[in-house]
């Protein structure tokens, strides 16, 4: 396993101690998934606050705008800022109600291009948009795909999903597979089974 994610729920509960525990148990890059979204000065301050944790990736919302993404990238130059495009829980119907123009793919591509131009070195998008985002941002940007579910698994609150194999085939670099693993009776066995099915 090359990358381990610490999300908002765990970080709010355990704080930096969560990072220490994970690093003690595994030699892996840290994906700090906090989805920062605020004015540029506040996001820069938050990014500086997590600098001692040395995350490989830190998420911010692309919808915060280019100045916010740039502020995060400049505050944490040794970390790849990962810009979240459209949450995988949002359907086309909900996006329309929110006033976000176009289908999810178009919106994700626009936000990805904006964020990369502003200094993001990674993009978070659903596996259904990853091919279009790859085409827009090029080969050097890391694409991270949540909303990944093994075949036959419950989609839960995810609206735009794909299987691990489908996400990789579309061009994803890192897959986020949460509850199908963490909610399983034996998380280790569930993770191993998913990995075996990708070989």
Protein backbone atom coordinates (compact mmCIF):
# COMPACT_ATOMS: atom_id res chain seq x y z
CA UNK A 1 0.00 0.00 0.00
CA UNK A 2 1.62 3.26 -1.09
CA UNK A 3 -0.82 5.88 0.23
CA UNK A 4 -3.09 6.04 3.27
CA UNK A 5 -5.91 8.54 3.64
CA UNK A 6 -6.79 10.41 6.79
CA UNK A 7 -10.14 12.04 6.26
CA UNK A 8 -12.02 14.81 7.97
CA UNK A 9 -13.86 12.57 10.44
CA UNK A 10 -10.72 10.87 11.75
CA UNK A 11 -8.72 14.10 11.83
CA UNK A 12 -11.44 15.91 13.78
CA UNK A 13 -11.58 13.03 16.26
CA UNK A 14 -7.87 12.25 16.69
CA UNK A 15 -6.02 15.25 15.24
CA UNK A 16 -2.32 14.92 14.39
CA UNK A 17 -2.12 11.85 16.64
CA UNK A 18 -3.89 9.92 13.87
CA UNK A 19 -0.95 10.61 11.59
CA UNK A 20 1.54 9.44 14.20
CA UNK A 21 -0.37 6.18 14.73
CA UNK A 22 -0.59 5.45 11.01
CA UNK A 23 3.06 6.26 10.40
CA UNK A 24 4.04 3.95 13.25
CA UNK A 25 2.09 1.11 11.66
CA UNK A 26 2.89 1.56 7.97
CA UNK A 27 5.47 3.11 5.68
CA UNK A 28 3.18 5.01 3.35
CA UNK A 29 2.53 8.44 1.93
CA UNK A 30 -0.10 10.50 3.73
CA UNK A 31 -3.20 11.68 1.89
CA UNK A 32 -4.64 14.33 4.23
CA UNK A 33 -8.20 14.70 2.98
CA UNK A 34 -9.46 17.80 4.80
CA UNK A 35 -11.16 19.48 1.80
CA UNK A 36 -10.23 22.99 2.88
CA UNK A 37 -12.56 25.70 1.53
CA UNK A 38 -12.31 29.24 2.84
CA UNK A 39 -10.77 32.59 1.97
CA UNK A 40 -7.17 32.33 0.69
CA UNK A 41 -5.56 33.65 3.89
CA UNK A 42 -7.41 31.16 6.08
CA UNK A 43 -6.62 28.21 3.80
CA UNK A 44 -2.96 29.24 3.69
CA UNK A 45 -2.91 29.33 7.48
CA UNK A 46 -4.52 25.90 7.73
CA UNK A 47 -2.02 24.51 5.22
CA UNK A 48 0.89 25.91 7.21
CA UNK A 49 -0.60 24.38 10.36
CA UNK A 50 -0.36 20.85 8.92
CA UNK A 51 3.14 21.33 7.50
CA UNK A 52 4.76 19.36 10.38
CA UNK A 53 2.70 16.33 9.32
CA UNK A 54 4.41 16.37 5.90
CA UNK A 55 1.42 15.13 3.91
CA UNK A 56 2.07 13.94 0.36
CA UNK A 57 -1.37 15.25 -0.61
CA UNK A 58 -3.68 17.83 0.97
CA UNK A 59 -7.16 18.40 -0.43
CA UNK A 60 -8.79 21.75 -1.01
CA UNK A 61 -12.03 22.49 -2.85
CA UNK A 62 -11.37 23.77 -6.38
CA UNK A 63 -14.58 25.79 -6.04
CA UNK A 64 -12.72 28.01 -3.56
CA UNK A 65 -11.18 29.66 -6.59
CA UNK A 66 -7.70 30.04 -8.06
CA UNK A 67 -6.41 32.45 -5.40
CA UNK A 68 -7.31 29.97 -2.66
CA UNK A 69 -5.63 27.06 -4.47
CA UNK A 70 -2.52 29.16 -5.06
CA UNK A 71 -2.44 30.20 -1.40
CA UNK A 72 -2.49 26.54 -0.31
CA UNK A 73 0.20 25.56 -2.82
CA UNK A 74 2.48 28.41 -1.78
CA UNK A 75 1.97 27.69 1.93
CA UNK A 76 2.83 24.00 1.51
CA UNK A 77 5.31 23.79 -1.38
CA UNK A 78 6.52 20.26 -0.58
CA UNK A 79 2.98 18.88 -0.65
CA UNK A 80 0.85 18.20 -3.71
CA UNK A 81 -2.32 20.22 -3.34
CA UNK A 82 -5.19 18.00 -4.53
CA UNK A 83 -8.14 20.00 -5.82
CA UNK A 84 -11.54 18.44 -5.23
CA UNK A 85 -13.80 19.04 -8.23
CA UNK A 86 -17.37 17.75 -7.77
CA UNK A 87 -18.16 15.58 -4.75
CA UNK A 88 -19.09 12.05 -5.80
CA UNK A 89 -22.28 12.26 -3.75
CA UNK A 90 -23.67 14.98 -6.05
CA UNK A 91 -25.83 13.92 -8.99
CA UNK A 92 -26.51 15.96 -12.12
CA UNK A 93 -29.93 16.85 -10.71
CA UNK A 94 -28.43 18.24 -7.50
CA UNK A 95 -25.73 20.15 -9.40
CA UNK A 96 -28.46 21.79 -11.48
CA UNK A 97 -30.32 22.78 -8.30
CA UNK A 98 -27.09 24.27 -6.96
CA UNK A 99 -26.71 26.35 -10.12
CA UNK A 100 -23.55 24.61 -11.32
CA UNK A 101 -23.63 24.70 -15.10
CA UNK A 102 -23.38 21.64 -17.25
CA UNK A 103 -23.27 17.92 -16.49
CA UNK A 104 -20.85 16.71 -13.78
CA UNK A 105 -18.14 15.89 -16.31
CA UNK A 106 -18.08 19.42 -17.73
CA UNK A 107 -18.06 20.99 -14.29
CA UNK A 108 -15.29 18.68 -13.09
CA UNK A 109 -13.13 19.45 -16.12
CA UNK A 110 -13.57 23.21 -15.69
CA UNK A 111 -12.69 23.08 -11.99
CA UNK A 112 -9.73 20.75 -12.58
CA UNK A 113 -8.21 22.98 -15.25
CA UNK A 114 -8.69 26.08 -13.11
CA UNK A 115 -7.06 24.44 -10.09
CA UNK A 116 -4.10 23.02 -11.98
CA UNK A 117 -3.45 26.42 -13.54
CA UNK A 118 -3.48 27.84 -10.00
CA UNK A 119 -0.87 25.38 -8.70
CA UNK A 120 -2.65 22.14 -7.81
CA UNK A 121 -0.60 19.07 -8.64
CA UNK A 122 -3.39 16.57 -8.09
CA UNK A 123 -7.11 16.48 -8.80
CA UNK A 124 -9.90 14.59 -7.04
CA UNK A 125 -12.73 13.59 -9.36
CA UNK A 126 -15.19 10.74 -9.71
CA UNK A 127 -14.11 7.74 -11.79
CA UNK A 128 -16.82 8.69 -14.28
CA UNK A 129 -14.98 11.95 -15.09
CA UNK A 130 -11.38 10.80 -14.80
CA UNK A 131 -10.77 10.24 -18.52
CA UNK A 132 -12.06 13.69 -19.45
CA UNK A 133 -10.10 15.33 -16.63
CA UNK A 134 -6.94 13.49 -17.70
CA UNK A 135 -7.39 14.80 -21.22
CA UNK A 136 -7.75 18.35 -19.87
CA UNK A 137 -4.86 18.43 -17.37
CA UNK A 138 -2.30 16.15 -19.00
CA UNK A 139 -0.23 13.19 -17.79
CA UNK A 140 1.72 14.82 -14.96
CA UNK A 141 -1.21 15.58 -12.65
CA UNK A 142 -2.12 12.87 -10.13
CA UNK A 143 -5.77 11.87 -10.44
CA UNK A 144 -7.42 10.59 -7.26
CA UNK A 145 -10.82 8.92 -7.55
CA UNK A 146 -13.26 8.43 -4.69
CA UNK A 147 -16.62 6.80 -5.36
CA UNK A 148 -14.90 3.49 -6.12
CA UNK A 149 -16.97 0.45 -5.26
CA UNK A 150 -16.31 -3.26 -5.93
CA UNK A 151 -18.79 -4.85 -8.34
CA UNK A 152 -22.08 -5.53 -6.59
CA UNK A 153 -21.29 -3.32 -3.58
CA UNK A 154 -23.85 -0.89 -2.17
CA UNK A 155 -23.28 2.62 -3.58
CA UNK A 156 -24.46 4.14 -0.25
CA UNK A 157 -24.47 7.95 -0.64
CA UNK A 158 -22.29 7.93 -3.75
CA UNK A 159 -24.00 9.07 -6.97
CA UNK A 160 -21.19 8.68 -9.53
CA UNK A 161 -19.24 5.44 -9.04
CA UNK A 162 -17.19 2.81 -10.84
CA UNK A 163 -15.41 -0.39 -9.95
CA UNK A 164 -11.69 -0.32 -9.10
CA UNK A 165 -10.81 -1.88 -12.46
CA UNK A 166 -12.95 0.64 -14.34
CA UNK A 167 -11.40 3.58 -12.50
CA UNK A 168 -7.85 2.40 -13.26
CA UNK A 169 -8.71 1.72 -16.89
CA UNK A 170 -10.06 5.26 -17.21
CA UNK A 171 -6.74 6.70 -16.02
CA UNK A 172 -6.94 7.07 -12.24
CA UNK A 173 -3.66 7.06 -10.30
CA UNK A 174 -5.03 6.57 -6.78
CA UNK A 175 -8.32 4.97 -5.76
CA UNK A 176 -10.21 5.92 -2.62
CA UNK A 177 -12.07 2.84 -1.39
CA UNK A 178 -13.45 3.60 2.04
CA UNK A 179 -16.54 1.95 3.45
CA UNK A 180 -16.35 -1.27 1.36
CA UNK A 181 -13.16 -1.86 3.36
CA UNK A 182 -13.68 -0.06 6.67
CA UNK A 183 -17.26 -1.33 7.00
CA UNK A 184 -16.37 -4.95 6.25
CA UNK A 185 -16.26 -7.54 9.07
CA UNK A 186 -12.59 -8.12 8.22
CA UNK A 187 -11.17 -4.91 6.66
CA UNK A 188 -7.81 -6.52 5.91
CA UNK A 189 -9.42 -9.38 4.03
CA UNK A 190 -11.70 -6.98 2.14
CA UNK A 191 -8.73 -4.86 1.04
CA UNK A 192 -6.74 -7.91 0.00
CA UNK A 193 -9.68 -9.25 -2.02
CA UNK A 194 -10.05 -5.95 -3.88
CA UNK A 195 -6.32 -5.88 -4.61
CA UNK A 196 -6.32 -9.48 -5.83
CA UNK A 197 -9.18 -8.74 -8.23
CA UNK A 198 -7.09 -6.01 -9.86
CA UNK A 199 -4.22 -8.30 -10.76
